[in-house]
């Protein structure tokens, strides 16, 4: 019998690799973590660029498959391991909403968070005033997006983003919500329904294991 190749997740603590790492712990299959040390610019070195030419984290290696883009990795894990029930049934309305929210999280909320954390990427070098303006506008936009998430939880009254059932979208929403923990305006934890979701996530065994492995320190959310 041919041996199964162990999954490899190339990660950095607290980065966009957090959601895939959490899902691997939720699934419970064996996997190997490969640290990509951003402090040493490892994500820009040739060995890593051969896996992801964008120089971004994460990368998942699943046998002969090399996959980047965190949301794509999450979708792949949900599809490859249906027994974990990380996504609604294919073809269902619930599955369509799952796609909608995961794409919204990565394309809208995450993209705006990147503008907040790296505003200098959108202006000419040395334009501190322009970078400050980009950051301020991004933060205002993020406030509105967090309110949209809070409204979603309020509308259905369920414990998870899609309602009654936990999914890969919850891992992604938690990851992005956690990124706001240092905000001078309202971080995710301060929204009534979104904050309750963040605290609920902290109770999950897989999440506690992921945080412990990545050695994340308070504030956790």
C-alpha atoms as a PDB file:
ATOM      1  CA  UNK A   1       0.000   0.000   0.000  1.00  0.00           C
ATOM      2  CA  UNK A   2       1.317   3.451  -0.914  1.00  0.00           C
ATOM      3  CA  UNK A   3       2.112   5.675   2.077  1.00  0.00           C
ATOM      4  CA  UNK A   4       0.033   8.831   2.459  1.00  0.00           C
ATOM      5  CA  UNK A   5       2.029  12.035   2.193  1.00  0.00           C
ATOM      6  CA  UNK A   6       1.571  14.220   5.252  1.00  0.00           C
ATOM      7  CA  UNK A   7       0.056  17.641   4.737  1.00  0.00           C
ATOM      8  CA  UNK A   8       2.441  20.566   5.176  1.00  0.00           C
ATOM      9  CA  UNK A   9       1.325  24.047   6.143  1.00  0.00           C
ATOM     10  CA  UNK A  10       3.830  26.855   5.675  1.00  0.00           C
ATOM     11  CA  UNK A  11       2.857  29.410   8.297  1.00  0.00           C
ATOM     12  CA  UNK A  12       3.794  32.326  10.488  1.00  0.00           C
ATOM     13  CA  UNK A  13       2.124  32.873  13.897  1.00  0.00           C
ATOM     14  CA  UNK A  14      -1.025  34.988  13.789  1.00  0.00           C
ATOM     15  CA  UNK A  15      -0.831  35.599  10.041  1.00  0.00           C
ATOM     16  CA  UNK A  16      -3.279  34.537   7.316  1.00  0.00           C
ATOM     17  CA  UNK A  17      -2.105  30.968   7.884  1.00  0.00           C
ATOM     18  CA  UNK A  18      -4.015  30.955  11.191  1.00  0.00           C
ATOM     19  CA  UNK A  19      -7.375  29.973   9.673  1.00  0.00           C
ATOM     20  CA  UNK A  20      -5.963  26.999   7.695  1.00  0.00           C
ATOM     21  CA  UNK A  21      -3.981  25.935  10.778  1.00  0.00           C
ATOM     22  CA  UNK A  22      -7.150  26.038  12.865  1.00  0.00           C
ATOM     23  CA  UNK A  23      -9.056  24.010  10.281  1.00  0.00           C
ATOM     24  CA  UNK A  24      -6.352  21.353  10.216  1.00  0.00           C
ATOM     25  CA  UNK A  25      -6.760  21.028  13.969  1.00  0.00           C
ATOM     26  CA  UNK A  26     -10.545  20.904  13.585  1.00  0.00           C
ATOM     27  CA  UNK A  27     -10.215  18.105  11.005  1.00  0.00           C
ATOM     28  CA  UNK A  28      -7.792  16.145  13.153  1.00  0.00           C
ATOM     29  CA  UNK A  29      -5.596  14.703  10.404  1.00  0.00           C
ATOM     30  CA  UNK A  30      -1.804  14.551  10.811  1.00  0.00           C
ATOM     31  CA  UNK A  31       0.029  17.538   9.377  1.00  0.00           C
ATOM     32  CA  UNK A  32       3.402  19.227   9.556  1.00  0.00           C
ATOM     33  CA  UNK A  33       3.986  22.901  10.232  1.00  0.00           C
ATOM     34  CA  UNK A  34       6.779  24.662   8.389  1.00  0.00           C
ATOM     35  CA  UNK A  35       7.647  28.055   9.887  1.00  0.00           C
ATOM     36  CA  UNK A  36       8.225  30.815   7.337  1.00  0.00           C
ATOM     37  CA  UNK A  37      10.114  33.342   9.443  1.00  0.00           C
ATOM     38  CA  UNK A  38       8.955  36.754   8.288  1.00  0.00           C
ATOM     39  CA  UNK A  39      11.413  38.429  10.658  1.00  0.00           C
ATOM     40  CA  UNK A  40      14.206  36.959   8.533  1.00  0.00           C
ATOM     41  CA  UNK A  41      12.408  37.694   5.239  1.00  0.00           C
ATOM     42  CA  UNK A  42      12.058  33.966   4.566  1.00  0.00           C
ATOM     43  CA  UNK A  43       8.860  34.552   2.579  1.00  0.00           C
ATOM     44  CA  UNK A  44      10.855  36.518  -0.002  1.00  0.00           C
ATOM     45  CA  UNK A  45      13.595  33.919  -0.466  1.00  0.00           C
ATOM     46  CA  UNK A  46      13.841  31.750  -3.574  1.00  0.00           C
ATOM     47  CA  UNK A  47      12.899  28.514  -1.807  1.00  0.00           C
ATOM     48  CA  UNK A  48       9.591  29.945  -0.648  1.00  0.00           C
ATOM     49  CA  UNK A  49       8.939  31.893  -3.846  1.00  0.00           C
ATOM     50  CA  UNK A  50       9.134  28.583  -5.692  1.00  0.00           C
ATOM     51  CA  UNK A  51       6.009  27.590  -3.733  1.00  0.00           C
ATOM     52  CA  UNK A  52       4.260  30.963  -3.841  1.00  0.00           C
ATOM     53  CA  UNK A  53       5.641  33.512  -6.309  1.00  0.00           C
ATOM     54  CA  UNK A  54       3.684  36.237  -4.492  1.00  0.00           C
ATOM     55  CA  UNK A  55       5.817  35.769  -1.385  1.00  0.00           C
ATOM     56  CA  UNK A  56       2.757  35.582   0.846  1.00  0.00           C
ATOM     57  CA  UNK A  57       1.816  33.197   3.666  1.00  0.00           C
ATOM     58  CA  UNK A  58       0.354  30.523   3.780  1.00  0.00           C
ATOM     59  CA  UNK A  59       1.149  27.677   1.427  1.00  0.00           C
ATOM     60  CA  UNK A  60      -0.384  24.228   1.810  1.00  0.00           C
ATOM     61  CA  UNK A  61       1.371  21.208   0.310  1.00  0.00           C
ATOM     62  CA  UNK A  62      -0.998  18.260  -0.069  1.00  0.00           C
ATOM     63  CA  UNK A  63       0.858  15.494  -1.867  1.00  0.00           C
ATOM     64  CA  UNK A  64       1.611  16.862  -5.326  1.00  0.00           C
ATOM     65  CA  UNK A  65      -0.677  19.837  -4.817  1.00  0.00           C
ATOM     66  CA  UNK A  66       0.900  23.161  -3.844  1.00  0.00           C
ATOM     67  CA  UNK A  67      -1.793  25.674  -2.926  1.00  0.00           C
ATOM     68  CA  UNK A  68      -1.646  29.306  -1.840  1.00  0.00           C
ATOM     69  CA  UNK A  69      -4.260  31.954  -0.969  1.00  0.00           C
ATOM     70  CA  UNK A  70      -5.638  31.352   2.520  1.00  0.00           C
ATOM     71  CA  UNK A  71      -9.304  31.248   1.482  1.00  0.00           C
ATOM     72  CA  UNK A  72      -8.520  28.727  -1.261  1.00  0.00           C
ATOM     73  CA  UNK A  73      -6.652  26.569   1.261  1.00  0.00           C
ATOM     74  CA  UNK A  74      -9.665  26.699   3.591  1.00  0.00           C
ATOM     75  CA  UNK A  75     -12.029  25.677   0.774  1.00  0.00           C
ATOM     76  CA  UNK A  76      -9.726  22.845  -0.244  1.00  0.00           C
ATOM     77  CA  UNK A  77      -9.521  21.495   3.305  1.00  0.00           C
ATOM     78  CA  UNK A  78     -13.301  21.625   3.661  1.00  0.00           C
ATOM     79  CA  UNK A  79     -13.763  19.757   0.373  1.00  0.00           C
ATOM     80  CA  UNK A  80     -10.975  17.230   0.933  1.00  0.00           C
ATOM     81  CA  UNK A  81     -12.298  16.301   4.380  1.00  0.00           C
ATOM     82  CA  UNK A  82     -16.107  16.310   4.140  1.00  0.00           C
ATOM     83  CA  UNK A  83     -16.377  14.219   7.299  1.00  0.00           C
ATOM     84  CA  UNK A  84     -15.330  17.308   9.273  1.00  0.00           C
ATOM     85  CA  UNK A  85     -18.477  19.150   8.077  1.00  0.00           C
ATOM     86  CA  UNK A  86     -16.681  22.462   7.571  1.00  0.00           C
ATOM     87  CA  UNK A  87     -18.984  23.538   4.744  1.00  0.00           C
ATOM     88  CA  UNK A  88     -22.666  23.068   3.909  1.00  0.00           C
ATOM     89  CA  UNK A  89     -23.773  20.549   1.297  1.00  0.00           C
ATOM     90  CA  UNK A  90     -22.766  21.187  -2.308  1.00  0.00           C
ATOM     91  CA  UNK A  91     -25.516  22.789  -4.354  1.00  0.00           C
ATOM     92  CA  UNK A  92     -27.471  24.002  -1.327  1.00  0.00           C
ATOM     93  CA  UNK A  93     -28.465  27.600  -0.631  1.00  0.00           C
ATOM     94  CA  UNK A  94     -26.398  27.372   2.526  1.00  0.00           C
ATOM     95  CA  UNK A  95     -23.341  26.443   0.455  1.00  0.00           C
ATOM     96  CA  UNK A  96     -23.897  29.524  -1.705  1.00  0.00           C
ATOM     97  CA  UNK A  97     -23.971  31.723   1.396  1.00  0.00           C
ATOM     98  CA  UNK A  98     -20.827  29.983   2.638  1.00  0.00           C
ATOM     99  CA  UNK A  99     -19.056  30.961  -0.587  1.00  0.00           C
ATOM    100  CA  UNK A 100     -20.410  34.490  -0.326  1.00  0.00           C
ATOM    101  CA  UNK A 101     -19.165  35.058   3.210  1.00  0.00           C
ATOM    102  CA  UNK A 102     -15.766  33.470   2.688  1.00  0.00           C
ATOM    103  CA  UNK A 103     -15.199  35.560  -0.433  1.00  0.00           C
ATOM    104  CA  UNK A 104     -16.425  38.673   1.394  1.00  0.00           C
ATOM    105  CA  UNK A 105     -14.055  37.994   4.253  1.00  0.00           C
ATOM    106  CA  UNK A 106     -11.000  37.625   2.032  1.00  0.00           C
ATOM    107  CA  UNK A 107     -11.816  40.114  -0.749  1.00  0.00           C
ATOM    108  CA  UNK A 108     -13.471  42.872   1.291  1.00  0.00           C
ATOM    109  CA  UNK A 109     -12.605  42.758   4.988  1.00  0.00           C
ATOM    110  CA  UNK A 110      -9.123  41.226   4.695  1.00  0.00           C
ATOM    111  CA  UNK A 111      -8.171  43.456   1.762  1.00  0.00           C
ATOM    112  CA  UNK A 112      -9.177  46.544   3.737  1.00  0.00           C
ATOM    113  CA  UNK A 113      -7.274  45.323   6.789  1.00  0.00           C
ATOM    114  CA  UNK A 114      -4.158  45.003   4.629  1.00  0.00           C
ATOM    115  CA  UNK A 115      -4.590  48.653   3.594  1.00  0.00           C
ATOM    116  CA  UNK A 116      -4.829  49.565   7.281  1.00  0.00           C
ATOM    117  CA  UNK A 117      -1.707  47.671   8.317  1.00  0.00           C
ATOM    118  CA  UNK A 118       0.378  48.505   5.226  1.00  0.00           C
ATOM    119  CA  UNK A 119      -0.842  51.929   3.995  1.00  0.00           C
ATOM    120  CA  UNK A 120       2.615  52.800   2.685  1.00  0.00           C
ATOM    121  CA  UNK A 121       2.116  50.267  -0.113  1.00  0.00           C
ATOM    122  CA  UNK A 122      -0.517  52.535  -1.693  1.00  0.00           C
ATOM    123  CA  UNK A 123       1.450  55.788  -1.763  1.00  0.00           C
ATOM    124  CA  UNK A 124       4.789  57.007  -3.020  1.00  0.00           C
ATOM    125  CA  UNK A 125       7.824  56.231  -0.891  1.00  0.00           C
ATOM    126  CA  UNK A 126       8.202  58.736   1.925  1.00  0.00           C
ATOM    127  CA  UNK A 127       4.647  60.068   1.673  1.00  0.00           C
ATOM    128  CA  UNK A 128       3.841  59.771   5.379  1.00  0.00           C
ATOM    129  CA  UNK A 129       0.834  62.059   5.142  1.00  0.00           C
ATOM    130  CA  UNK A 130      -0.685  60.028   2.330  1.00  0.00           C
ATOM    131  CA  UNK A 131      -0.084  56.794   4.214  1.00  0.00           C
ATOM    132  CA  UNK A 132      -1.780  58.224   7.314  1.00  0.00           C
ATOM    133  CA  UNK A 133      -4.790  59.191   5.222  1.00  0.00           C
ATOM    134  CA  UNK A 134      -5.019  55.720   3.664  1.00  0.00           C
ATOM    135  CA  UNK A 135      -4.870  54.159   7.140  1.00  0.00           C
ATOM    136  CA  UNK A 136      -7.585  56.446   8.521  1.00  0.00           C
ATOM    137  CA  UNK A 137      -9.934  55.750   5.618  1.00  0.00           C
ATOM    138  CA  UNK A 138      -9.262  52.015   5.878  1.00  0.00           C
ATOM    139  CA  UNK A 139     -10.081  52.051   9.597  1.00  0.00           C
ATOM    140  CA  UNK A 140     -13.383  53.846   8.961  1.00  0.00           C
ATOM    141  CA  UNK A 141     -14.222  51.265   6.303  1.00  0.00           C
ATOM    142  CA  UNK A 142     -13.301  48.392   8.627  1.00  0.00           C
ATOM    143  CA  UNK A 143     -15.585  49.798  11.330  1.00  0.00           C
ATOM    144  CA  UNK A 144     -18.491  49.584   8.865  1.00  0.00           C
ATOM    145  CA  UNK A 145     -17.540  46.062   7.803  1.00  0.00           C
ATOM    146  CA  UNK A 146     -17.334  44.838  11.394  1.00  0.00           C
ATOM    147  CA  UNK A 147     -20.789  46.298  11.930  1.00  0.00           C
ATOM    148  CA  UNK A 148     -21.986  44.308   8.908  1.00  0.00           C
ATOM    149  CA  UNK A 149     -20.633  41.136  10.509  1.00  0.00           C
ATOM    150  CA  UNK A 150     -22.287  42.032  13.804  1.00  0.00           C
ATOM    151  CA  UNK A 151     -25.578  42.594  11.963  1.00  0.00           C
ATOM    152  CA  UNK A 152     -25.290  39.169  10.345  1.00  0.00           C
ATOM    153  CA  UNK A 153     -25.067  37.452  13.735  1.00  0.00           C
ATOM    154  CA  UNK A 154     -27.924  39.570  15.070  1.00  0.00           C
ATOM    155  CA  UNK A 155     -30.136  38.776  12.077  1.00  0.00           C
ATOM    156  CA  UNK A 156     -30.083  34.984  12.433  1.00  0.00           C
ATOM    157  CA  UNK A 157     -29.393  34.726  16.173  1.00  0.00           C
ATOM    158  CA  UNK A 158     -27.253  31.620  15.738  1.00  0.00           C
ATOM    159  CA  UNK A 159     -23.841  30.961  17.281  1.00  0.00           C
ATOM    160  CA  UNK A 160     -21.885  30.841  14.015  1.00  0.00           C
ATOM    161  CA  UNK A 161     -21.517  33.046  10.969  1.00  0.00           C
ATOM    162  CA  UNK A 162     -23.867  30.948   8.828  1.00  0.00           C
ATOM    163  CA  UNK A 163     -26.286  30.330  11.684  1.00  0.00           C
ATOM    164  CA  UNK A 164     -26.538  27.048  13.568  1.00  0.00           C
ATOM    165  CA  UNK A 165     -23.569  25.189  12.075  1.00  0.00           C
ATOM    166  CA  UNK A 166     -19.848  25.865  12.445  1.00  0.00           C
ATOM    167  CA  UNK A 167     -17.932  26.173   9.173  1.00  0.00           C
ATOM    168  CA  UNK A 168     -14.592  27.172   7.701  1.00  0.00           C
ATOM    169  CA  UNK A 169     -15.985  30.702   7.415  1.00  0.00           C
ATOM    170  CA  UNK A 170     -15.959  30.959  11.208  1.00  0.00           C
ATOM    171  CA  UNK A 171     -12.241  30.205  11.336  1.00  0.00           C
ATOM    172  CA  UNK A 172     -11.640  32.952   8.798  1.00  0.00           C
ATOM    173  CA  UNK A 173     -13.923  35.459  10.525  1.00  0.00           C
ATOM    174  CA  UNK A 174     -12.200  34.850  13.853  1.00  0.00           C
ATOM    175  CA  UNK A 175      -8.752  35.305  12.335  1.00  0.00           C
ATOM    176  CA  UNK A 176      -9.670  38.665  10.815  1.00  0.00           C
ATOM    177  CA  UNK A 177     -11.544  39.786  13.907  1.00  0.00           C
ATOM    178  CA  UNK A 178      -8.469  39.028  15.977  1.00  0.00           C
ATOM    179  CA  UNK A 179      -6.395  41.304  13.751  1.00  0.00           C
ATOM    180  CA  UNK A 180      -8.435  44.265  15.030  1.00  0.00           C
ATOM    181  CA  UNK A 181      -7.524  43.676  18.691  1.00  0.00           C
ATOM    182  CA  UNK A 182      -5.204  46.722  18.786  1.00  0.00           C
ATOM    183  CA  UNK A 183      -7.581  49.152  17.084  1.00  0.00           C
ATOM    184  CA  UNK A 184      -8.061  52.602  18.604  1.00  0.00           C
ATOM    185  CA  UNK A 185     -11.692  52.475  17.437  1.00  0.00           C
ATOM    186  CA  UNK A 186     -13.945  49.491  18.137  1.00  0.00           C
ATOM    187  CA  UNK A 187     -12.156  46.144  17.773  1.00  0.00           C
ATOM    188  CA  UNK A 188     -14.253  43.105  16.931  1.00  0.00           C
ATOM    189  CA  UNK A 189     -14.540  42.078  20.573  1.00  0.00           C
ATOM    190  CA  UNK A 190     -16.497  45.245  21.424  1.00  0.00           C
ATOM    191  CA  UNK A 191     -19.417  44.537  19.077  1.00  0.00           C
ATOM    192  CA  UNK A 192     -22.231  42.817  20.950  1.00  0.00           C
ATOM    193  CA  UNK A 193     -22.867  39.839  18.668  1.00  0.00           C
ATOM    194  CA  UNK A 194     -19.479  39.665  16.940  1.00  0.00           C
ATOM    195  CA  UNK A 195     -17.697  39.900  20.293  1.00  0.00           C
ATOM    196  CA  UNK A 196     -19.796  37.041  21.666  1.00  0.00           C
ATOM    197  CA  UNK A 197     -18.803  34.990  18.618  1.00  0.00           C
ATOM    198  CA  UNK A 198     -15.120  35.759  19.210  1.00  0.00           C
ATOM    199  CA  UNK A 199     -15.408  34.584  22.818  1.00  0.00           C
ATOM    200  CA  UNK A 200     -17.304  31.464  21.721  1.00  0.00           C
ATOM    201  CA  UNK A 201     -14.487  30.631  19.352  1.00  0.00           C
ATOM    202  CA  UNK A 202     -12.003  30.792  22.230  1.00  0.00           C
ATOM    203  CA  UNK A 203     -13.846  27.863  23.817  1.00  0.00           C
ATOM    204  CA  UNK A 204     -13.122  25.528  20.908  1.00  0.00           C
ATOM    205  CA  UNK A 205     -10.469  22.919  21.643  1.00  0.00           C
ATOM    206  CA  UNK A 206      -8.976  23.194  18.149  1.00  0.00           C
ATOM    207  CA  UNK A 207      -8.619  26.957  18.495  1.00  0.00           C
ATOM    208  CA  UNK A 208      -6.915  26.731  21.880  1.00  0.00           C
ATOM    209  CA  UNK A 209      -4.533  24.147  20.426  1.00  0.00           C
ATOM    210  CA  UNK A 210      -3.761  26.378  17.436  1.00  0.00           C
ATOM    211  CA  UNK A 211      -3.054  29.393  19.634  1.00  0.00           C
ATOM    212  CA  UNK A 212      -0.840  27.349  21.945  1.00  0.00           C
ATOM    213  CA  UNK A 213       1.173  25.924  19.047  1.00  0.00           C
ATOM    214  CA  UNK A 214       1.653  29.381  17.531  1.00  0.00           C
ATOM    215  CA  UNK A 215       2.525  30.728  21.006  1.00  0.00           C
ATOM    216  CA  UNK A 216       0.141  33.661  20.651  1.00  0.00           C
ATOM    217  CA  UNK A 217       0.087  35.932  23.667  1.00  0.00           C
ATOM    218  CA  UNK A 218      -2.649  38.178  25.144  1.00  0.00           C
ATOM    219  CA  UNK A 219      -4.638  40.024  24.127  1.00  0.00           C
ATOM    220  CA  UNK A 220      -5.960  36.997  22.258  1.00  0.00           C
ATOM    221  CA  UNK A 221      -8.895  38.922  20.767  1.00  0.00           C
END
